[in-house]
């Protein structure tokens, strides 16, 4: 399999793990929908600039896009997805969520689920 196909397959897995459609992802990274489709099927490659945009918008490391091990998601992808959601909220809401998460973590540690 070519590098473009491996990259595209991995990008699709990453996008889907964020719960994004191709259209939503295209809007997030300011690209045309058909370009995302062409990248995901390995027809089109990406530039370093595009890779930087993907990395920034998804809050991932560059290497995460090149982790081609089947069925293994980058270890920080779930955390990055959570951060991405929270970053879209206002500061007061973020502070509330932080307090809530700290309390929840403390409770879970006590219960030892």
N, C-alpha and C. Protein backbone atom coordinates (compact mmCIF):
# COMPACT_ATOMS: atom_id res chain seq x y z
N UNK A 1 0.86 -1.18 0.00
CA UNK A 1 0.00 0.00 0.00
C UNK A 1 0.90 1.23 0.00
N UNK A 2 0.51 2.25 -0.76
CA UNK A 2 1.32 3.46 -0.87
C UNK A 2 1.19 4.32 0.39
N UNK A 3 2.15 5.21 0.55
CA UNK A 3 2.13 6.12 1.70
C UNK A 3 0.87 6.98 1.68
N UNK A 4 0.46 7.46 0.50
CA UNK A 4 -0.74 8.28 0.42
C UNK A 4 -1.98 7.49 0.87
N UNK A 5 -2.05 6.23 0.49
CA UNK A 5 -3.21 5.41 0.89
C UNK A 5 -3.18 5.12 2.39
N UNK A 6 -2.00 4.83 2.93
CA UNK A 6 -1.89 4.59 4.37
C UNK A 6 -2.26 5.84 5.15
N UNK A 7 -1.74 6.99 4.70
CA UNK A 7 -2.05 8.25 5.37
C UNK A 7 -3.55 8.53 5.30
N UNK A 8 -4.13 8.36 4.13
CA UNK A 8 -5.56 8.63 3.96
C UNK A 8 -6.43 7.74 4.82
N UNK A 9 -6.07 6.47 4.88
CA UNK A 9 -6.83 5.52 5.71
C UNK A 9 -6.75 5.93 7.18
N UNK A 10 -5.57 6.32 7.60
CA UNK A 10 -5.38 6.74 8.99
C UNK A 10 -6.11 8.04 9.28
N UNK A 11 -6.09 8.98 8.33
CA UNK A 11 -6.80 10.24 8.51
C UNK A 11 -8.29 9.98 8.68
N UNK A 12 -8.82 9.06 7.91
CA UNK A 12 -10.25 8.72 8.02
C UNK A 12 -10.55 8.16 9.40
N UNK A 13 -9.70 7.25 9.90
CA UNK A 13 -9.89 6.69 11.24
C UNK A 13 -9.86 7.79 12.30
N UNK A 14 -8.92 8.70 12.17
CA UNK A 14 -8.80 9.81 13.12
C UNK A 14 -10.04 10.68 13.06
N UNK A 15 -10.45 11.05 11.85
CA UNK A 15 -11.64 11.90 11.68
C UNK A 15 -12.87 11.24 12.30
N UNK A 16 -13.05 9.96 12.02
CA UNK A 16 -14.20 9.24 12.55
C UNK A 16 -14.14 9.12 14.07
N UNK A 17 -12.93 8.98 14.62
CA UNK A 17 -12.80 8.88 16.08
C UNK A 17 -13.21 10.18 16.77
N UNK A 18 -13.14 11.29 16.02
CA UNK A 18 -13.59 12.58 16.54
C UNK A 18 -15.09 12.77 16.32
N UNK A 19 -15.70 11.82 15.65
CA UNK A 19 -17.13 11.93 15.37
C UNK A 19 -17.46 12.96 14.31
N UNK A 20 -16.49 13.24 13.44
CA UNK A 20 -16.68 14.25 12.39
C UNK A 20 -17.02 13.59 11.06
N UNK A 21 -17.96 14.18 10.34
CA UNK A 21 -18.21 13.78 8.96
C UNK A 21 -17.12 14.40 8.10
N UNK A 22 -17.03 13.95 6.86
CA UNK A 22 -16.07 14.58 5.96
C UNK A 22 -16.38 16.07 5.80
N UNK A 23 -17.65 16.40 5.72
CA UNK A 23 -18.05 17.81 5.56
C UNK A 23 -17.62 18.63 6.77
N UNK A 24 -17.86 18.12 7.98
CA UNK A 24 -17.49 18.84 9.19
C UNK A 24 -15.98 19.02 9.28
N UNK A 25 -15.24 17.96 8.92
CA UNK A 25 -13.79 18.05 8.95
C UNK A 25 -13.29 19.06 7.91
N UNK A 26 -13.88 19.01 6.72
CA UNK A 26 -13.48 19.96 5.67
C UNK A 26 -13.69 21.40 6.13
N UNK A 27 -14.79 21.67 6.79
CA UNK A 27 -15.06 23.01 7.31
C UNK A 27 -14.06 23.37 8.40
N UNK A 28 -13.74 22.42 9.28
CA UNK A 28 -12.81 22.66 10.37
C UNK A 28 -11.43 23.07 9.85
N UNK A 29 -10.98 22.40 8.79
CA UNK A 29 -9.63 22.66 8.27
C UNK A 29 -9.64 23.59 7.05
N UNK A 30 -10.83 24.15 6.74
CA UNK A 30 -10.99 25.09 5.64
C UNK A 30 -10.53 24.52 4.30
N UNK A 31 -11.05 23.32 3.99
CA UNK A 31 -10.75 22.66 2.72
C UNK A 31 -12.05 22.28 2.03
N UNK A 32 -11.94 21.96 0.77
CA UNK A 32 -13.10 21.48 0.01
C UNK A 32 -13.40 20.03 0.40
N UNK A 33 -14.67 19.69 0.42
CA UNK A 33 -15.10 18.34 0.77
C UNK A 33 -14.45 17.30 -0.13
N UNK A 34 -14.43 17.56 -1.43
CA UNK A 34 -13.86 16.57 -2.34
C UNK A 34 -12.36 16.36 -2.10
N UNK A 35 -11.66 17.39 -1.63
CA UNK A 35 -10.23 17.23 -1.31
C UNK A 35 -10.04 16.26 -0.15
N UNK A 36 -10.89 16.37 0.87
CA UNK A 36 -10.80 15.44 2.01
C UNK A 36 -11.05 14.02 1.53
N UNK A 37 -12.07 13.84 0.70
CA UNK A 37 -12.37 12.51 0.15
C UNK A 37 -11.20 11.95 -0.64
N UNK A 38 -10.57 12.78 -1.46
CA UNK A 38 -9.44 12.33 -2.27
C UNK A 38 -8.24 11.97 -1.40
N UNK A 39 -8.03 12.72 -0.32
CA UNK A 39 -6.94 12.40 0.60
C UNK A 39 -7.22 11.07 1.29
N UNK A 40 -8.45 10.89 1.76
CA UNK A 40 -8.80 9.68 2.51
C UNK A 40 -8.71 8.41 1.67
N UNK A 41 -8.93 8.50 0.36
CA UNK A 41 -8.81 7.30 -0.48
C UNK A 41 -7.40 7.14 -1.05
N UNK A 42 -6.53 8.08 -0.72
CA UNK A 42 -5.14 7.97 -1.14
C UNK A 42 -4.87 8.46 -2.54
N UNK A 43 -5.82 9.16 -3.13
CA UNK A 43 -5.64 9.71 -4.47
C UNK A 43 -4.79 10.97 -4.44
N UNK A 44 -4.91 11.71 -3.36
CA UNK A 44 -4.22 12.99 -3.23
C UNK A 44 -3.40 12.98 -1.94
N UNK A 45 -2.20 13.55 -1.98
CA UNK A 45 -1.37 13.69 -0.79
C UNK A 45 -1.58 15.04 -0.13
N UNK A 46 -0.87 15.27 0.95
CA UNK A 46 -0.99 16.54 1.66
C UNK A 46 0.38 17.21 1.75
N UNK A 47 0.35 18.52 1.84
CA UNK A 47 1.58 19.29 2.02
C UNK A 47 1.90 19.38 3.50
N UNK A 48 3.09 19.85 3.81
CA UNK A 48 3.44 20.08 5.21
C UNK A 48 2.51 21.10 5.84
N UNK A 49 2.15 22.11 5.07
CA UNK A 49 1.23 23.14 5.58
C UNK A 49 -0.11 22.52 5.96
N UNK A 50 -0.63 21.65 5.10
CA UNK A 50 -1.91 20.98 5.39
C UNK A 50 -1.77 20.09 6.61
N UNK A 51 -0.67 19.37 6.70
CA UNK A 51 -0.44 18.51 7.88
C UNK A 51 -0.40 19.35 9.15
N UNK A 52 0.22 20.52 9.10
CA UNK A 52 0.25 21.41 10.26
C UNK A 52 -1.16 21.86 10.65
N UNK A 53 -1.98 22.16 9.66
CA UNK A 53 -3.37 22.57 9.94
C UNK A 53 -4.13 21.41 10.58
N UNK A 54 -4.02 20.21 10.02
CA UNK A 54 -4.69 19.03 10.60
C UNK A 54 -4.25 18.86 12.05
N UNK A 55 -2.95 18.95 12.29
CA UNK A 55 -2.40 18.76 13.63
C UNK A 55 -2.94 19.79 14.61
N UNK A 56 -2.97 21.05 14.20
CA UNK A 56 -3.45 22.13 15.07
C UNK A 56 -4.94 21.99 15.36
N UNK A 57 -5.73 21.74 14.34
CA UNK A 57 -7.19 21.68 14.50
C UNK A 57 -7.63 20.47 15.31
N UNK A 58 -6.89 19.37 15.22
CA UNK A 58 -7.26 18.16 15.96
C UNK A 58 -6.46 18.00 17.25
N UNK A 59 -5.54 18.92 17.48
CA UNK A 59 -4.70 18.88 18.68
C UNK A 59 -3.94 17.55 18.79
N UNK A 60 -3.31 17.17 17.67
CA UNK A 60 -2.54 15.93 17.60
C UNK A 60 -1.11 16.23 17.20
N UNK A 61 -0.22 15.30 17.50
CA UNK A 61 1.16 15.38 17.06
C UNK A 61 1.23 14.95 15.59
N UNK A 62 2.21 15.43 14.86
CA UNK A 62 2.36 15.04 13.45
C UNK A 62 2.47 13.53 13.31
N UNK A 63 3.20 12.91 14.21
CA UNK A 63 3.43 11.47 14.12
C UNK A 63 2.13 10.66 14.23
N UNK A 64 1.12 11.23 14.88
CA UNK A 64 -0.14 10.51 15.02
C UNK A 64 -0.79 10.21 13.67
N UNK A 65 -0.51 11.03 12.67
CA UNK A 65 -1.08 10.81 11.34
C UNK A 65 -0.34 9.71 10.59
N UNK A 66 0.81 9.30 11.12
CA UNK A 66 1.62 8.28 10.46
C UNK A 66 1.72 7.00 11.29
N UNK A 67 0.85 6.84 12.26
CA UNK A 67 0.80 5.62 13.06
C UNK A 67 -0.08 4.63 12.30
N UNK A 68 0.54 3.81 11.46
CA UNK A 68 -0.20 2.95 10.55
C UNK A 68 -0.48 1.56 11.10
N UNK A 69 -0.30 1.37 12.38
CA UNK A 69 -0.59 0.06 12.96
C UNK A 69 -2.10 -0.15 12.95
N UNK A 70 -2.57 -1.23 12.36
CA UNK A 70 -4.02 -1.44 12.26
C UNK A 70 -4.68 -1.55 13.62
N UNK A 71 -5.85 -0.97 13.71
CA UNK A 71 -6.70 -1.05 14.90
C UNK A 71 -6.09 -0.45 16.15
N UNK A 72 -5.05 0.35 16.03
CA UNK A 72 -4.46 1.02 17.19
C UNK A 72 -4.61 2.51 16.98
N UNK A 73 -5.33 3.15 17.87
CA UNK A 73 -5.51 4.59 17.77
C UNK A 73 -4.38 5.29 18.53
N UNK A 74 -3.97 6.47 18.07
CA UNK A 74 -2.96 7.21 18.83
C UNK A 74 -3.43 7.38 20.27
N UNK A 75 -2.52 7.17 21.20
CA UNK A 75 -2.90 7.12 22.61
C UNK A 75 -3.51 8.42 23.14
N UNK A 76 -3.18 9.53 22.53
CA UNK A 76 -3.72 10.79 23.05
C UNK A 76 -4.93 11.28 22.27
N UNK A 77 -5.47 10.47 21.37
CA UNK A 77 -6.57 10.91 20.53
C UNK A 77 -7.83 11.21 21.34
N UNK A 78 -8.17 10.38 22.29
CA UNK A 78 -9.36 10.62 23.09
C UNK A 78 -9.21 11.90 23.90
N UNK A 79 -8.05 12.08 24.51
CA UNK A 79 -7.79 13.31 25.26
C UNK A 79 -7.87 14.52 24.34
N UNK A 80 -7.30 14.40 23.16
CA UNK A 80 -7.33 15.51 22.21
C UNK A 80 -8.76 15.85 21.80
N UNK A 81 -9.58 14.83 21.64
CA UNK A 81 -10.97 15.04 21.28
C UNK A 81 -11.72 15.79 22.39
N UNK A 82 -11.47 15.39 23.63
CA UNK A 82 -12.09 16.06 24.78
C UNK A 82 -11.64 17.51 24.85
N UNK A 83 -10.35 17.74 24.69
CA UNK A 83 -9.80 19.10 24.73
C UNK A 83 -10.41 19.95 23.62
N UNK A 84 -10.53 19.37 22.44
CA UNK A 84 -11.09 20.09 21.30
C UNK A 84 -12.51 20.56 21.60
N UNK A 85 -13.30 19.71 22.23
CA UNK A 85 -14.68 20.08 22.57
C UNK A 85 -14.71 21.20 23.62
N UNK A 86 -13.87 21.08 24.64
CA UNK A 86 -13.87 22.05 25.73
C UNK A 86 -13.34 23.40 25.27
N UNK A 87 -12.39 23.42 24.36
CA UNK A 87 -11.81 24.68 23.88
C UNK A 87 -12.84 25.57 23.19
N UNK A 88 -13.91 24.98 22.70
CA UNK A 88 -14.92 25.77 22.01
C UNK A 88 -15.86 26.50 22.98
N UNK A 89 -15.71 26.24 24.28
CA UNK A 89 -16.58 26.84 25.28
C UNK A 89 -15.95 28.09 25.89
N UNK A 90 -16.79 28.92 26.52
CA UNK A 90 -16.28 30.12 27.15
C UNK A 90 -15.50 29.77 28.43
N UNK A 91 -14.73 30.72 28.92
CA UNK A 91 -13.82 30.51 30.05
C UNK A 91 -14.54 30.05 31.32
N UNK A 92 -15.68 30.66 31.63
CA UNK A 92 -16.41 30.26 32.84
C UNK A 92 -16.90 28.83 32.75
N UNK A 93 -17.38 28.43 31.59
CA UNK A 93 -17.84 27.05 31.40
C UNK A 93 -16.67 26.09 31.51
N UNK A 94 -15.51 26.47 30.96
CA UNK A 94 -14.33 25.62 31.06
C UNK A 94 -13.93 25.42 32.53
N UNK A 95 -13.99 26.50 33.32
CA UNK A 95 -13.66 26.40 34.75
C UNK A 95 -14.63 25.46 35.46
N UNK A 96 -15.91 25.56 35.15
CA UNK A 96 -16.92 24.68 35.73
C UNK A 96 -16.63 23.21 35.38
N UNK A 97 -16.30 22.96 34.12
CA UNK A 97 -16.00 21.60 33.68
C UNK A 97 -14.77 21.06 34.40
N UNK A 98 -13.76 21.89 34.59
CA UNK A 98 -12.56 21.47 35.31
C UNK A 98 -12.89 21.05 36.73
N UNK A 99 -13.68 21.85 37.42
CA UNK A 99 -14.09 21.51 38.79
C UNK A 99 -14.87 20.20 38.80
N UNK A 100 -15.77 20.05 37.84
CA UNK A 100 -16.58 18.85 37.73
C UNK A 100 -15.70 17.62 37.49
N UNK A 101 -14.77 17.74 36.56
CA UNK A 101 -13.88 16.60 36.24
C UNK A 101 -13.03 16.22 37.44
N UNK A 102 -12.48 17.21 38.13
CA UNK A 102 -11.67 16.91 39.32
C UNK A 102 -12.49 16.16 40.35
N UNK A 103 -13.73 16.59 40.58
CA UNK A 103 -14.60 15.90 41.53
C UNK A 103 -14.93 14.49 41.07
N UNK A 104 -15.19 14.33 39.80
CA UNK A 104 -15.50 13.01 39.25
C UNK A 104 -14.31 12.06 39.36
N UNK A 105 -13.12 12.55 39.03
CA UNK A 105 -11.91 11.72 39.14
C UNK A 105 -11.69 11.30 40.59
N UNK A 106 -11.87 12.23 41.51
CA UNK A 106 -11.71 11.91 42.93
C UNK A 106 -12.70 10.82 43.34
N UNK A 107 -13.94 10.95 42.92
CA UNK A 107 -14.97 9.96 43.24
C UNK A 107 -14.62 8.60 42.65
N UNK A 108 -14.18 8.60 41.40
CA UNK A 108 -13.84 7.33 40.74
C UNK A 108 -12.65 6.65 41.41
N UNK A 109 -11.69 7.42 41.86
CA UNK A 109 -10.54 6.84 42.55
C UNK A 109 -10.96 6.23 43.89
N UNK A 110 -11.90 6.85 44.55
CA UNK A 110 -12.38 6.32 45.83
C UNK A 110 -13.17 5.04 45.65
N UNK A 111 -13.97 4.98 44.59
CA UNK A 111 -14.80 3.81 44.30
C UNK A 111 -13.99 2.69 43.66
N UNK A 112 -12.86 3.05 43.05
CA UNK A 112 -11.97 2.09 42.38
C UNK A 112 -12.71 1.20 41.39
N UNK A 113 -13.39 1.85 40.45
CA UNK A 113 -14.14 1.12 39.43
C UNK A 113 -13.21 0.34 38.56
